[in-house]
Amino acid sequence: MAHPAPSSVPSIRQPLYLMSDSKVLEKIRGGRLSRLLGTDTTDAEIVDDFFLATLSRHPDAEESEFANTHIAETGDRAGALVDLVWALLNSREFANIH
């Protein structure tokens, strides 16, 4: 008897893990983002870097504007960028790619 092909739809465990695991947030804060924040990299360059790293594409104009507005309105550059990376990791687009 043939086994069914694996589903390309992510299981419910993946988004729940990414949304709730404190280790994910620690990795976001302490990894690539921390290194980029320690350089003279602009917010736009960091946003672009994370879109490429997570979604394999550049942000469109609306996404860039949203990210820049969120960073400006939050008043906490690092915290706003953590929010952005977390949102990218929890996006349906990311789940479909990975």
C-alpha atoms as a PDB file:
ATOM      1  CA  MET A   1       0.000   0.000   0.000  1.00  0.00           C
ATOM      2  CA  ALA A   2       1.386   3.415  -0.968  1.00  0.00           C
ATOM      3  CA  HIS A   3       1.918   6.036   1.702  1.00  0.00           C
ATOM      4  CA  PRO A   4       0.279   9.412   1.166  1.00  0.00           C
ATOM      5  CA  ALA A   5       2.544  12.227   0.091  1.00  0.00           C
ATOM      6  CA  PRO A   6       3.560  14.589   2.884  1.00  0.00           C
ATOM      7  CA  SER A   7       1.378  17.656   3.104  1.00  0.00           C
ATOM      8  CA  SER A   8       2.849  20.989   2.088  1.00  0.00           C
ATOM      9  CA  VAL A   9       0.540  22.688   4.567  1.00  0.00           C
ATOM     10  CA  PRO A  10       2.377  23.503   7.813  1.00  0.00           C
ATOM     11  CA  SER A  11       1.107  21.805  10.938  1.00  0.00           C
ATOM     12  CA  ILE A  12      -0.522  23.851  13.680  1.00  0.00           C
ATOM     13  CA  ARG A  13       2.518  23.200  15.879  1.00  0.00           C
ATOM     14  CA  GLN A  14       4.843  25.398  13.803  1.00  0.00           C
ATOM     15  CA  PRO A  15       2.931  28.695  14.145  1.00  0.00           C
ATOM     16  CA  LEU A  16       2.097  28.017  17.784  1.00  0.00           C
ATOM     17  CA  TYR A  17       5.760  27.376  18.541  1.00  0.00           C
ATOM     18  CA  LEU A  18       6.913  30.490  16.716  1.00  0.00           C
ATOM     19  CA  MET A  19       4.264  32.650  18.381  1.00  0.00           C
ATOM     20  CA  SER A  20       4.818  31.509  21.931  1.00  0.00           C
ATOM     21  CA  ASP A  21       8.357  30.264  22.424  1.00  0.00           C
ATOM     22  CA  SER A  22      10.558  32.657  24.392  1.00  0.00           C
ATOM     23  CA  LYS A  23      13.660  31.098  22.826  1.00  0.00           C
ATOM     24  CA  VAL A  24      12.529  32.358  19.429  1.00  0.00           C
ATOM     25  CA  LEU A  25      12.382  35.924  20.765  1.00  0.00           C
ATOM     26  CA  GLU A  26      15.779  35.502  22.430  1.00  0.00           C
ATOM     27  CA  LYS A  27      17.266  34.328  19.141  1.00  0.00           C
ATOM     28  CA  ILE A  28      15.722  37.266  17.297  1.00  0.00           C
ATOM     29  CA  ARG A  29      17.071  39.762  19.838  1.00  0.00           C
ATOM     30  CA  GLY A  30      20.513  38.215  20.187  1.00  0.00           C
ATOM     31  CA  GLY A  31      21.382  37.019  16.713  1.00  0.00           C
ATOM     32  CA  ARG A  32      21.470  38.691  13.354  1.00  0.00           C
ATOM     33  CA  LEU A  33      19.441  41.685  14.542  1.00  0.00           C
ATOM     34  CA  SER A  34      21.836  42.403  17.393  1.00  0.00           C
ATOM     35  CA  ARG A  35      24.783  42.301  14.996  1.00  0.00           C
ATOM     36  CA  LEU A  36      23.058  44.642  12.538  1.00  0.00           C
ATOM     37  CA  LEU A  37      22.072  47.088  15.274  1.00  0.00           C
ATOM     38  CA  GLY A  38      25.730  47.239  16.315  1.00  0.00           C
ATOM     39  CA  THR A  39      26.698  48.660  12.936  1.00  0.00           C
ATOM     40  CA  ASP A  40      25.757  51.789  11.020  1.00  0.00           C
ATOM     41  CA  THR A  41      23.131  49.839   9.061  1.00  0.00           C
ATOM     42  CA  THR A  42      19.985  51.880   8.446  1.00  0.00           C
ATOM     43  CA  ASP A  43      16.523  50.739   9.448  1.00  0.00           C
ATOM     44  CA  ALA A  44      15.592  50.357   5.774  1.00  0.00           C
ATOM     45  CA  GLU A  45      18.630  48.129   5.201  1.00  0.00           C
ATOM     46  CA  ILE A  46      17.748  45.994   8.228  1.00  0.00           C
ATOM     47  CA  VAL A  47      14.136  45.657   7.071  1.00  0.00           C
ATOM     48  CA  ASP A  48      15.344  44.674   3.609  1.00  0.00           C
ATOM     49  CA  ASP A  49      17.834  42.186   5.079  1.00  0.00           C
ATOM     50  CA  PHE A  50      15.159  40.422   7.115  1.00  0.00           C
ATOM     51  CA  PHE A  51      12.681  40.280   4.246  1.00  0.00           C
ATOM     52  CA  LEU A  52      15.367  38.637   2.132  1.00  0.00           C
ATOM     53  CA  ALA A  53      16.350  36.262   4.944  1.00  0.00           C
ATOM     54  CA  THR A  54      12.790  35.178   5.758  1.00  0.00           C
ATOM     55  CA  LEU A  55      10.749  35.599   2.578  1.00  0.00           C
ATOM     56  CA  SER A  56      13.503  35.593  -0.076  1.00  0.00           C
ATOM     57  CA  ARG A  57      12.285  38.890  -1.468  1.00  0.00           C
ATOM     58  CA  HIS A  58      12.500  42.626  -0.885  1.00  0.00           C
ATOM     59  CA  PRO A  59       9.619  44.353   0.888  1.00  0.00           C
ATOM     60  CA  ASP A  60       7.152  46.134  -1.358  1.00  0.00           C
ATOM     61  CA  ALA A  61       6.489  49.862  -0.922  1.00  0.00           C
ATOM     62  CA  GLU A  62       3.575  49.319   1.460  1.00  0.00           C
ATOM     63  CA  GLU A  63       5.549  46.906   3.646  1.00  0.00           C
ATOM     64  CA  SER A  64       8.519  49.281   3.773  1.00  0.00           C
ATOM     65  CA  GLU A  65       6.277  52.194   4.713  1.00  0.00           C
ATOM     66  CA  PHE A  66       4.566  50.138   7.417  1.00  0.00           C
ATOM     67  CA  ALA A  67       7.911  49.031   8.879  1.00  0.00           C
ATOM     68  CA  ASN A  68       9.335  52.560   8.872  1.00  0.00           C
ATOM     69  CA  THR A  69       6.181  53.969  10.471  1.00  0.00           C
ATOM     70  CA  HIS A  70       6.192  51.267  13.149  1.00  0.00           C
ATOM     71  CA  ILE A  71       9.848  51.936  13.986  1.00  0.00           C
ATOM     72  CA  ALA A  72       9.263  55.700  14.163  1.00  0.00           C
ATOM     73  CA  GLU A  73       6.063  55.477  16.214  1.00  0.00           C
ATOM     74  CA  THR A  74       7.357  52.876  18.654  1.00  0.00           C
ATOM     75  CA  GLY A  75      10.304  54.973  19.770  1.00  0.00           C
ATOM     76  CA  ASP A  76      12.238  51.771  20.470  1.00  0.00           C
ATOM     77  CA  ARG A  77      14.266  50.888  17.387  1.00  0.00           C
ATOM     78  CA  ALA A  78      15.396  47.472  18.597  1.00  0.00           C
ATOM     79  CA  GLY A  79      11.970  46.541  19.948  1.00  0.00           C
ATOM     80  CA  ALA A  80      10.235  47.613  16.739  1.00  0.00           C
ATOM     81  CA  LEU A  81      12.647  45.573  14.646  1.00  0.00           C
ATOM     82  CA  VAL A  82      12.113  42.537  16.890  1.00  0.00           C
ATOM     83  CA  ASP A  83       8.374  42.998  16.255  1.00  0.00           C
ATOM     84  CA  LEU A  84       9.015  43.070  12.520  1.00  0.00           C
ATOM     85  CA  VAL A  85      11.168  39.930  12.500  1.00  0.00           C
ATOM     86  CA  TRP A  86       8.670  38.118  14.723  1.00  0.00           C
ATOM     87  CA  ALA A  87       5.837  39.100  12.348  1.00  0.00           C
ATOM     88  CA  LEU A  88       7.810  37.870   9.336  1.00  0.00           C
ATOM     89  CA  LEU A  89       8.528  34.529  11.022  1.00  0.00           C
ATOM     90  CA  ASN A  90       4.842  34.159  11.848  1.00  0.00           C
ATOM     91  CA  SER A  91       3.563  35.139   8.424  1.00  0.00           C
ATOM     92  CA  ARG A  92       1.719  32.695   6.208  1.00  0.00           C
ATOM     93  CA  GLU A  93       4.227  33.506   3.464  1.00  0.00           C
ATOM     94  CA  PHE A  94       7.135  32.345   5.652  1.00  0.00           C
ATOM     95  CA  ALA A  95       5.279  29.162   6.622  1.00  0.00           C
ATOM     96  CA  ASN A  96       4.613  28.382   2.961  1.00  0.00           C
ATOM     97  CA  ILE A  97       8.278  28.900   2.035  1.00  0.00           C
ATOM     98  CA  HIS A  98       9.750  26.955   4.923  1.00  0.00           C
END
